[in-house]
Amino acid sequence: MIVNKAVTYARVSSKEQAIEGYSIDAQVKLLKKYAAENNISLEDSFMDIETAKKTGRTDFNKMVNFLQNSKTVKHLLVEKIDRLLRNLFDLAFTDQLMTEFNVKVHFVKDGFVIDKFSRSSDKFIFALKGIMAKQSVDNLSEEVIKGMKEKAEQGVFPSHAPYGYKNEGTKGKRIISKNPEEALYVKKIYDLYCEGYSLARIRSKVLSEGLVYRNGKNFHKSTVEYILKNEFYTGVFYWNGVRYENASHPDRKSTRLNSSHRIRYR
């Protein structure tokens, strides 16, 4: 009996990872079951977990490279089309695997198998679903941008809080609050500047008093300057090129720096 050889590919976003049915484990389990039922030998597996901080799909690229160079593995098992295709480049790579490298792609949950010998109608459906996957990604991006804009208009800075503050709360209700320990040093920096200290002396002073900056990163003189120039501490922030003066974060007026104080290089 001829045994077909295959690789599996699974993908989730960090958000989906926590949802039952979307986890990597659930996908892999389904693909292994399908392989066992269809006389398919699994030679390797690839998986990507996408996060907001990291773009690109490392294992997707590895999987494409593996199939392009393999002489014996000619089957790819994936849970659904939207697990494999996220943009038109993915669609093009997958089409190349089928047409040039004789790979047969099995979309297990969709009950859909396609290769270069498939009917034109099936290829059309496959391409259409790939475009729909791209549209879904674009729409999600638009919704995220729209949500961030709405948040900014409500006075909440929709990104990572600067030194002296922290992001907290649950999804959809995240706010920016004061970080008590860091806030003391921010106030100290402003006070020292108003007393005539240079940027270099301010830096040395707060470091000697125990300031630890952002997980132990170096606290440079330029960082002191950035804090002094950052209008966030006076109740103003910028988002996507727009200035917002209705900031809701606390203690925003507590610093002694105002429009009459301008940072000077010392």
C-alpha atoms as a PDB file:
ATOM      1  CA  MET A   1       0.000   0.000   0.000  1.00  0.00           C
ATOM      2  CA  ILE A   2       1.345   3.409  -0.997  1.00  0.00           C
ATOM      3  CA  VAL A   3       1.642   5.779   1.960  1.00  0.00           C
ATOM      4  CA  ASN A   4       1.413   9.454   1.182  1.00  0.00           C
ATOM      5  CA  LYS A   5       3.818  11.705   3.074  1.00  0.00           C
ATOM      6  CA  ALA A   6       2.743  15.070   4.430  1.00  0.00           C
ATOM      7  CA  VAL A   7       3.534  17.982   6.682  1.00  0.00           C
ATOM      8  CA  THR A   8       1.053  19.878   8.824  1.00  0.00           C
ATOM      9  CA  TYR A   9       0.699  23.599   9.292  1.00  0.00           C
ATOM     10  CA  ALA A  10      -1.186  25.235  12.187  1.00  0.00           C
ATOM     11  CA  ARG A  11      -1.585  28.917  13.008  1.00  0.00           C
ATOM     12  CA  VAL A  12      -3.206  31.050  15.683  1.00  0.00           C
ATOM     13  CA  SER A  13      -2.913  34.591  16.874  1.00  0.00           C
ATOM     14  CA  SER A  14      -2.038  35.087  20.538  1.00  0.00           C
ATOM     15  CA  LYS A  15      -5.662  36.202  21.015  1.00  0.00           C
ATOM     16  CA  GLU A  16      -7.106  33.050  19.422  1.00  0.00           C
ATOM     17  CA  GLN A  17      -4.729  30.788  21.367  1.00  0.00           C
ATOM     18  CA  ALA A  18      -6.885  31.229  24.456  1.00  0.00           C
ATOM     19  CA  ILE A  19     -10.147  30.360  22.666  1.00  0.00           C
ATOM     20  CA  GLU A  20     -11.288  26.749  22.699  1.00  0.00           C
ATOM     21  CA  GLY A  21     -11.113  25.245  19.212  1.00  0.00           C
ATOM     22  CA  TYR A  22      -8.538  27.695  17.940  1.00  0.00           C
ATOM     23  CA  SER A  23      -5.535  26.457  19.894  1.00  0.00           C
ATOM     24  CA  ILE A  24      -2.515  24.952  18.191  1.00  0.00           C
ATOM     25  CA  ASP A  25      -3.120  21.687  20.074  1.00  0.00           C
ATOM     26  CA  ALA A  26      -6.697  21.426  18.783  1.00  0.00           C
ATOM     27  CA  GLN A  27      -5.560  21.947  15.191  1.00  0.00           C
ATOM     28  CA  VAL A  28      -2.700  19.460  15.440  1.00  0.00           C
ATOM     29  CA  LYS A  29      -4.981  16.847  16.987  1.00  0.00           C
ATOM     30  CA  LEU A  30      -7.452  17.226  14.114  1.00  0.00           C
ATOM     31  CA  LEU A  31      -4.712  16.970  11.476  1.00  0.00           C
ATOM     32  CA  LYS A  32      -3.168  13.874  13.067  1.00  0.00           C
ATOM     33  CA  LYS A  33      -6.580  12.187  13.168  1.00  0.00           C
ATOM     34  CA  TYR A  34      -7.139  12.996   9.494  1.00  0.00           C
ATOM     35  CA  ALA A  35      -3.706  11.631   8.578  1.00  0.00           C
ATOM     36  CA  ALA A  36      -4.342   8.371  10.436  1.00  0.00           C
ATOM     37  CA  GLU A  37      -7.703   7.920   8.728  1.00  0.00           C
ATOM     38  CA  ASN A  38      -6.306   8.585   5.253  1.00  0.00           C
ATOM     39  CA  ASN A  39      -3.104   6.534   5.246  1.00  0.00           C
ATOM     40  CA  ILE A  40      -0.887   9.634   5.448  1.00  0.00           C
ATOM     41  CA  SER A  41       2.511   9.628   7.136  1.00  0.00           C
ATOM     42  CA  LEU A  42       3.373  12.890   8.881  1.00  0.00           C
ATOM     43  CA  GLU A  43       7.001  13.814   8.255  1.00  0.00           C
ATOM     44  CA  ASP A  44       7.132  17.220   9.930  1.00  0.00           C
ATOM     45  CA  SER A  45       4.948  19.917  11.453  1.00  0.00           C
ATOM     46  CA  PHE A  46       5.031  23.688  11.307  1.00  0.00           C
ATOM     47  CA  MET A  47       3.178  26.213  13.427  1.00  0.00           C
ATOM     48  CA  ASP A  48       3.016  29.953  13.942  1.00  0.00           C
ATOM     49  CA  ILE A  49       1.651  31.952  16.843  1.00  0.00           C
ATOM     50  CA  GLU A  50       1.199  35.532  15.711  1.00  0.00           C
ATOM     51  CA  THR A  51       1.376  38.401  18.171  1.00  0.00           C
ATOM     52  CA  ALA A  52       0.736  42.111  17.935  1.00  0.00           C
ATOM     53  CA  LYS A  53       4.387  42.798  18.547  1.00  0.00           C
ATOM     54  CA  LYS A  54       5.710  40.406  15.926  1.00  0.00           C
ATOM     55  CA  THR A  55       4.733  40.321  12.286  1.00  0.00           C
ATOM     56  CA  GLY A  56       5.469  37.678   9.702  1.00  0.00           C
ATOM     57  CA  ARG A  57       5.184  33.900   9.837  1.00  0.00           C
ATOM     58  CA  THR A  58       8.487  32.156  10.393  1.00  0.00           C
ATOM     59  CA  ASP A  59       7.223  28.579  10.157  1.00  0.00           C
ATOM     60  CA  PHE A  60       5.068  29.320   7.116  1.00  0.00           C
ATOM     61  CA  ASN A  61       8.221  30.289   5.256  1.00  0.00           C
ATOM     62  CA  LYS A  62      10.030  27.212   6.574  1.00  0.00           C
ATOM     63  CA  MET A  63       7.147  25.016   5.473  1.00  0.00           C
ATOM     64  CA  VAL A  64       7.167  26.464   1.948  1.00  0.00           C
ATOM     65  CA  ASN A  65      10.930  25.961   1.712  1.00  0.00           C
ATOM     66  CA  PHE A  66      10.648  22.378   3.005  1.00  0.00           C
ATOM     67  CA  LEU A  67       8.034  21.405   0.424  1.00  0.00           C
ATOM     68  CA  GLN A  68       9.933  23.078  -2.392  1.00  0.00           C
ATOM     69  CA  ASN A  69      13.014  21.021  -1.593  1.00  0.00           C
ATOM     70  CA  SER A  70      11.407  17.697  -0.708  1.00  0.00           C
ATOM     71  CA  LYS A  71      11.366  14.912  -3.286  1.00  0.00           C
ATOM     72  CA  THR A  72       8.956  12.683  -1.383  1.00  0.00           C
ATOM     73  CA  VAL A  73       6.646  14.878   0.733  1.00  0.00           C
ATOM     74  CA  LYS A  74       3.880  16.157  -1.509  1.00  0.00           C
ATOM     75  CA  HIS A  75       0.924  16.722   0.835  1.00  0.00           C
ATOM     76  CA  LEU A  76       0.136  19.653   3.135  1.00  0.00           C
ATOM     77  CA  LEU A  77      -2.498  19.320   5.848  1.00  0.00           C
ATOM     78  CA  VAL A  78      -4.147  22.466   7.250  1.00  0.00           C
ATOM     79  CA  GLU A  79      -7.249  22.880   9.395  1.00  0.00           C
ATOM     80  CA  LYS A  80      -8.970  25.559   7.292  1.00  0.00           C
ATOM     81  CA  ILE A  81      -8.165  27.926   4.457  1.00  0.00           C
ATOM     82  CA  ASP A  82      -7.980  30.943   6.755  1.00  0.00           C
ATOM     83  CA  ARG A  83      -5.336  29.142   8.842  1.00  0.00           C
ATOM     84  CA  LEU A  84      -3.059  29.024   5.795  1.00  0.00           C
ATOM     85  CA  LEU A  85      -3.898  32.133   3.804  1.00  0.00           C
ATOM     86  CA  ARG A  86      -3.709  35.602   5.337  1.00  0.00           C
ATOM     87  CA  ASN A  87      -2.689  37.674   2.339  1.00  0.00           C
ATOM     88  CA  LEU A  88      -2.211  37.456  -1.418  1.00  0.00           C
ATOM     89  CA  PHE A  89       1.453  36.518  -1.033  1.00  0.00           C
ATOM     90  CA  ASP A  90       0.393  33.375   0.877  1.00  0.00           C
ATOM     91  CA  LEU A  91      -2.034  32.583  -1.919  1.00  0.00           C
ATOM     92  CA  ALA A  92       0.712  32.959  -4.519  1.00  0.00           C
ATOM     93  CA  PHE A  93       3.157  30.772  -2.561  1.00  0.00           C
ATOM     94  CA  THR A  94       0.529  28.069  -2.097  1.00  0.00           C
ATOM     95  CA  ASP A  95      -0.389  28.158  -5.780  1.00  0.00           C
ATOM     96  CA  GLN A  96       3.298  27.789  -6.641  1.00  0.00           C
ATOM     97  CA  LEU A  97       3.599  24.766  -4.346  1.00  0.00           C
ATOM     98  CA  MET A  98       0.717  23.131  -6.197  1.00  0.00           C
ATOM     99  CA  THR A  99       1.625  24.017  -9.776  1.00  0.00           C
ATOM    100  CA  GLU A 100       5.424  23.799  -9.702  1.00  0.00           C
ATOM    101  CA  PHE A 101       6.111  21.328  -6.878  1.00  0.00           C
ATOM    102  CA  ASN A 102       3.092  19.010  -7.219  1.00  0.00           C
ATOM    103  CA  VAL A 103       1.888  19.571  -3.648  1.00  0.00           C
ATOM    104  CA  LYS A 104      -1.678  18.594  -2.764  1.00  0.00           C
ATOM    105  CA  VAL A 105      -3.242  20.778  -0.065  1.00  0.00           C
ATOM    106  CA  HIS A 106      -5.831  19.302   2.310  1.00  0.00           C
ATOM    107  CA  PHE A 107      -8.099  21.729   4.171  1.00  0.00           C
ATOM    108  CA  VAL A 108      -9.365  19.212   6.673  1.00  0.00           C
ATOM    109  CA  LYS A 109     -12.166  21.086   8.422  1.00  0.00           C
ATOM    110  CA  ASP A 110     -13.384  22.597   5.155  1.00  0.00           C
ATOM    111  CA  GLY A 111     -13.460  19.134   3.532  1.00  0.00           C
ATOM    112  CA  PHE A 112     -11.569  20.599   0.608  1.00  0.00           C
ATOM    113  CA  VAL A 113      -8.544  19.143  -1.231  1.00  0.00           C
ATOM    114  CA  ILE A 114      -6.843  20.950  -4.077  1.00  0.00           C
ATOM    115  CA  ASP A 115      -3.861  20.465  -6.377  1.00  0.00           C
ATOM    116  CA  LYS A 116      -2.821  21.482  -9.887  1.00  0.00           C
ATOM    117  CA  PHE A 117      -5.156  18.913 -11.432  1.00  0.00           C
ATOM    118  CA  SER A 118      -8.245  20.225  -9.628  1.00  0.00           C
ATOM    119  CA  ARG A 119     -11.161  21.570 -11.645  1.00  0.00           C
ATOM    120  CA  SER A 120     -11.048  25.233 -12.564  1.00  0.00           C
ATOM    121  CA  SER A 121     -14.155  25.827 -10.455  1.00  0.00           C
ATOM    122  CA  ASP A 122     -12.377  24.455  -7.368  1.00  0.00           C
ATOM    123  CA  LYS A 123      -9.327  26.603  -8.097  1.00  0.00           C
ATOM    124  CA  PHE A 124     -11.602  29.614  -8.417  1.00  0.00           C
ATOM    125  CA  ILE A 125     -13.212  28.885  -5.031  1.00  0.00           C
ATOM    126  CA  PHE A 126      -9.763  28.480  -3.491  1.00  0.00           C
ATOM    127  CA  ALA A 127      -8.546  31.803  -4.909  1.00  0.00           C
ATOM    128  CA  LEU A 128     -11.767  33.522  -3.857  1.00  0.00           C
ATOM    129  CA  LYS A 129     -11.423  32.277  -0.288  1.00  0.00           C
ATOM    130  CA  GLY A 130      -7.841  33.482  -0.271  1.00  0.00           C
ATOM    131  CA  ILE A 131      -9.012  36.958  -1.273  1.00  0.00           C
ATOM    132  CA  MET A 132     -11.725  36.796   1.392  1.00  0.00           C
ATOM    133  CA  ALA A 133      -9.078  35.922   3.990  1.00  0.00           C
ATOM    134  CA  LYS A 134      -7.094  38.984   2.905  1.00  0.00           C
ATOM    135  CA  GLN A 135     -10.209  41.138   3.185  1.00  0.00           C
ATOM    136  CA  SER A 136     -10.843  39.779   6.679  1.00  0.00           C
ATOM    137  CA  VAL A 137      -7.322  40.742   7.775  1.00  0.00           C
ATOM    138  CA  ASP A 138      -7.691  44.220   6.252  1.00  0.00           C
ATOM    139  CA  ASN A 139     -11.051  44.709   7.923  1.00  0.00           C
ATOM    140  CA  LEU A 140      -9.656  43.664  11.296  1.00  0.00           C
ATOM    141  CA  SER A 141      -6.840  46.169  10.876  1.00  0.00           C
ATOM    142  CA  GLU A 142      -9.351  48.910  10.058  1.00  0.00           C
ATOM    143  CA  GLU A 143     -11.412  48.063  13.131  1.00  0.00           C
ATOM    144  CA  VAL A 144      -8.327  48.178  15.357  1.00  0.00           C
ATOM    145  CA  ILE A 145      -7.351  51.589  13.979  1.00  0.00           C
ATOM    146  CA  LYS A 146     -10.919  52.827  14.372  1.00  0.00           C
ATOM    147  CA  GLY A 147     -11.011  51.599  17.980  1.00  0.00           C
ATOM    148  CA  MET A 148      -7.727  53.308  18.803  1.00  0.00           C
ATOM    149  CA  LYS A 149      -8.955  56.583  17.293  1.00  0.00           C
ATOM    150  CA  GLU A 150     -12.139  56.403  19.349  1.00  0.00           C
ATOM    151  CA  LYS A 151     -10.098  55.707  22.469  1.00  0.00           C
ATOM    152  CA  ALA A 152      -7.874  58.718  21.780  1.00  0.00           C
ATOM    153  CA  GLU A 153     -10.917  60.952  21.288  1.00  0.00           C
ATOM    154  CA  GLN A 154     -12.132  59.850  24.708  1.00  0.00           C
ATOM    155  CA  GLY A 155      -8.827  61.005  26.216  1.00  0.00           C
ATOM    156  CA  VAL A 156      -7.174  57.615  26.641  1.00  0.00           C
ATOM    157  CA  PHE A 157      -3.761  57.198  25.031  1.00  0.00           C
ATOM    158  CA  PRO A 158      -4.216  54.005  22.946  1.00  0.00           C
ATOM    159  CA  SER A 159      -0.688  52.679  23.220  1.00  0.00           C
ATOM    160  CA  HIS A 160       2.089  51.901  25.676  1.00  0.00           C
ATOM    161  CA  ALA A 161       2.205  54.384  28.538  1.00  0.00           C
ATOM    162  CA  PRO A 162       5.399  56.405  28.985  1.00  0.00           C
ATOM    163  CA  TYR A 163       7.662  56.163  32.006  1.00  0.00           C
ATOM    164  CA  GLY A 164       5.774  57.164  35.141  1.00  0.00           C
ATOM    165  CA  TYR A 165       2.538  55.514  34.044  1.00  0.00           C
ATOM    166  CA  LYS A 166       1.277  51.989  33.409  1.00  0.00           C
ATOM    167  CA  ASN A 167      -1.370  50.298  31.284  1.00  0.00           C
ATOM    168  CA  GLU A 168      -3.899  48.274  33.211  1.00  0.00           C
ATOM    169  CA  GLY A 169      -7.397  46.860  32.944  1.00  0.00           C
ATOM    170  CA  THR A 170      -9.069  44.304  30.706  1.00  0.00           C
ATOM    171  CA  LYS A 171      -9.558  44.330  26.949  1.00  0.00           C
ATOM    172  CA  GLY A 172     -11.856  47.147  25.901  1.00  0.00           C
ATOM    173  CA  LYS A 173     -11.525  48.819  29.287  1.00  0.00           C
ATOM    174  CA  ARG A 174      -7.798  49.382  29.506  1.00  0.00           C
ATOM    175  CA  ILE A 175      -6.743  52.656  31.077  1.00  0.00           C
ATOM    176  CA  ILE A 176      -3.535  54.435  31.943  1.00  0.00           C
ATOM    177  CA  SER A 177      -2.812  54.949  35.607  1.00  0.00           C
ATOM    178  CA  LYS A 178       0.070  56.301  37.588  1.00  0.00           C
ATOM    179  CA  ASN A 179       3.014  54.074  38.439  1.00  0.00           C
ATOM    180  CA  PRO A 180       3.689  55.347  41.970  1.00  0.00           C
ATOM    181  CA  GLU A 181       7.383  54.472  42.105  1.00  0.00           C
ATOM    182  CA  GLU A 182       8.216  55.795  38.648  1.00  0.00           C
ATOM    183  CA  ALA A 183       6.088  58.917  39.125  1.00  0.00           C
ATOM    184  CA  LEU A 184       8.305  60.035  42.004  1.00  0.00           C
ATOM    185  CA  TYR A 185      11.320  60.050  39.703  1.00  0.00           C
ATOM    186  CA  VAL A 186       9.451  61.878  36.928  1.00  0.00           C
ATOM    187  CA  LYS A 187       8.520  64.621  39.383  1.00  0.00           C
ATOM    188  CA  LYS A 188      12.102  64.662  40.638  1.00  0.00           C
ATOM    189  CA  ILE A 189      13.398  65.141  37.079  1.00  0.00           C
ATOM    190  CA  TYR A 190      11.140  68.136  36.526  1.00  0.00           C
ATOM    191  CA  ASP A 191      11.999  69.639  39.907  1.00  0.00           C
ATOM    192  CA  LEU A 192      15.733  69.312  39.292  1.00  0.00           C
ATOM    193  CA  TYR A 193      15.439  70.859  35.850  1.00  0.00           C
ATOM    194  CA  CYS A 194      13.506  73.817  37.240  1.00  0.00           C
ATOM    195  CA  GLU A 195      16.255  74.233  39.841  1.00  0.00           C
ATOM    196  CA  GLY A 196      18.793  74.640  37.039  1.00  0.00           C
ATOM    197  CA  TYR A 197      20.337  71.157  36.900  1.00  0.00           C
ATOM    198  CA  SER A 198      21.776  70.090  33.547  1.00  0.00           C
ATOM    199  CA  LEU A 199      20.495  66.973  31.795  1.00  0.00           C
ATOM    200  CA  ALA A 200      23.665  65.095  32.691  1.00  0.00           C
ATOM    201  CA  ARG A 201      23.417  66.083  36.381  1.00  0.00           C
ATOM    202  CA  ILE A 202      19.729  65.144  36.483  1.00  0.00           C
ATOM    203  CA  ARG A 203      20.567  61.745  35.056  1.00  0.00           C
ATOM    204  CA  SER A 204      23.319  61.117  37.591  1.00  0.00           C
ATOM    205  CA  LYS A 205      21.171  62.353  40.466  1.00  0.00           C
ATOM    206  CA  VAL A 206      18.137  60.149  39.860  1.00  0.00           C
ATOM    207  CA  LEU A 207      20.273  57.101  39.087  1.00  0.00           C
ATOM    208  CA  SER A 208      22.139  57.570  42.360  1.00  0.00           C
ATOM    209  CA  GLU A 209      18.786  57.696  44.136  1.00  0.00           C
ATOM    210  CA  GLY A 210      17.732  54.319  42.726  1.00  0.00           C
ATOM    211  CA  LEU A 211      15.913  54.960  39.447  1.00  0.00           C
ATOM    212  CA  VAL A 212      15.642  51.807  37.345  1.00  0.00           C
ATOM    213  CA  TYR A 213      14.426  52.513  33.826  1.00  0.00           C
ATOM    214  CA  ARG A 214      12.197  50.160  31.840  1.00  0.00           C
ATOM    215  CA  ASN A 215      13.311  46.680  32.854  1.00  0.00           C
ATOM    216  CA  GLY A 216      16.875  47.768  33.516  1.00  0.00           C
ATOM    217  CA  LYS A 217      17.486  49.511  30.192  1.00  0.00           C
ATOM    218  CA  ASN A 218      20.088  52.244  30.136  1.00  0.00           C
ATOM    219  CA  PHE A 219      18.832  55.636  31.250  1.00  0.00           C
ATOM    220  CA  HIS A 220      20.535  58.064  28.892  1.00  0.00           C
ATOM    221  CA  LYS A 221      20.742  61.829  28.972  1.00  0.00           C
ATOM    222  CA  SER A 222      18.524  61.821  25.878  1.00  0.00           C
ATOM    223  CA  THR A 223      15.875  59.997  27.922  1.00  0.00           C
ATOM    224  CA  VAL A 224      15.895  62.806  30.473  1.00  0.00           C
ATOM    225  CA  GLU A 225      15.392  65.270  27.630  1.00  0.00           C
ATOM    226  CA  TYR A 226      12.558  63.166  26.189  1.00  0.00           C
ATOM    227  CA  ILE A 227      10.734  63.117  29.534  1.00  0.00           C
ATOM    228  CA  LEU A 228      11.078  66.876  29.940  1.00  0.00           C
ATOM    229  CA  LYS A 229       9.807  67.527  26.429  1.00  0.00           C
ATOM    230  CA  ASN A 230       6.979  65.004  26.538  1.00  0.00           C
ATOM    231  CA  GLU A 231       3.665  66.861  26.776  1.00  0.00           C
ATOM    232  CA  PHE A 232       2.022  63.668  27.979  1.00  0.00           C
ATOM    233  CA  TYR A 233       2.921  64.729  31.527  1.00  0.00           C
ATOM    234  CA  THR A 234       0.918  67.942  31.098  1.00  0.00           C
ATOM    235  CA  GLY A 235      -2.280  66.330  29.851  1.00  0.00           C
ATOM    236  CA  VAL A 236      -1.544  66.337  26.135  1.00  0.00           C
ATOM    237  CA  PHE A 237      -0.729  63.449  23.827  1.00  0.00           C
ATOM    238  CA  TYR A 238      -0.376  62.855  20.113  1.00  0.00           C
ATOM    239  CA  TRP A 239      -1.887  59.962  18.241  1.00  0.00           C
ATOM    240  CA  ASN A 240      -1.633  59.381  14.498  1.00  0.00           C
ATOM    241  CA  GLY A 241      -0.555  62.973  13.957  1.00  0.00           C
ATOM    242  CA  VAL A 242      -3.407  64.504  15.958  1.00  0.00           C
ATOM    243  CA  ARG A 243      -2.946  66.465  19.194  1.00  0.00           C
ATOM    244  CA  TYR A 244      -5.342  65.561  22.017  1.00  0.00           C
ATOM    245  CA  GLU A 245      -5.646  67.862  25.031  1.00  0.00           C
ATOM    246  CA  ASN A 246      -8.334  65.955  26.932  1.00  0.00           C
ATOM    247  CA  ALA A 247      -6.075  63.270  28.411  1.00  0.00           C
ATOM    248  CA  SER A 248      -7.715  61.272  31.171  1.00  0.00           C
ATOM    249  CA  HIS A 249      -4.574  59.872  32.816  1.00  0.00           C
ATOM    250  CA  PRO A 250      -4.082  61.001  36.452  1.00  0.00           C
ATOM    251  CA  ASP A 251      -1.737  63.604  37.952  1.00  0.00           C
ATOM    252  CA  ARG A 252      -1.145  65.110  34.565  1.00  0.00           C
ATOM    253  CA  LYS A 253      -0.892  68.646  35.939  1.00  0.00           C
ATOM    254  CA  SER A 254       1.382  67.800  38.853  1.00  0.00           C
ATOM    255  CA  THR A 255       4.676  68.659  37.158  1.00  0.00           C
ATOM    256  CA  ARG A 256       6.137  72.144  37.399  1.00  0.00           C
ATOM    257  CA  LEU A 257       6.854  72.281  33.692  1.00  0.00           C
ATOM    258  CA  ASN A 258       4.394  74.392  31.728  1.00  0.00           C
ATOM    259  CA  SER A 259       4.330  76.536  28.621  1.00  0.00           C
ATOM    260  CA  SER A 260       6.732  79.047  30.200  1.00  0.00           C
ATOM    261  CA  HIS A 261       9.443  76.408  30.622  1.00  0.00           C
ATOM    262  CA  ARG A 262      11.332  75.289  27.539  1.00  0.00           C
ATOM    263  CA  ILE A 263      14.025  72.640  27.612  1.00  0.00           C
ATOM    264  CA  ARG A 264      17.480  74.032  26.978  1.00  0.00           C
ATOM    265  CA  TYR A 265      20.578  71.978  26.177  1.00  0.00           C
ATOM    266  CA  ARG A 266      23.121  72.214  29.027  1.00  0.00           C
END
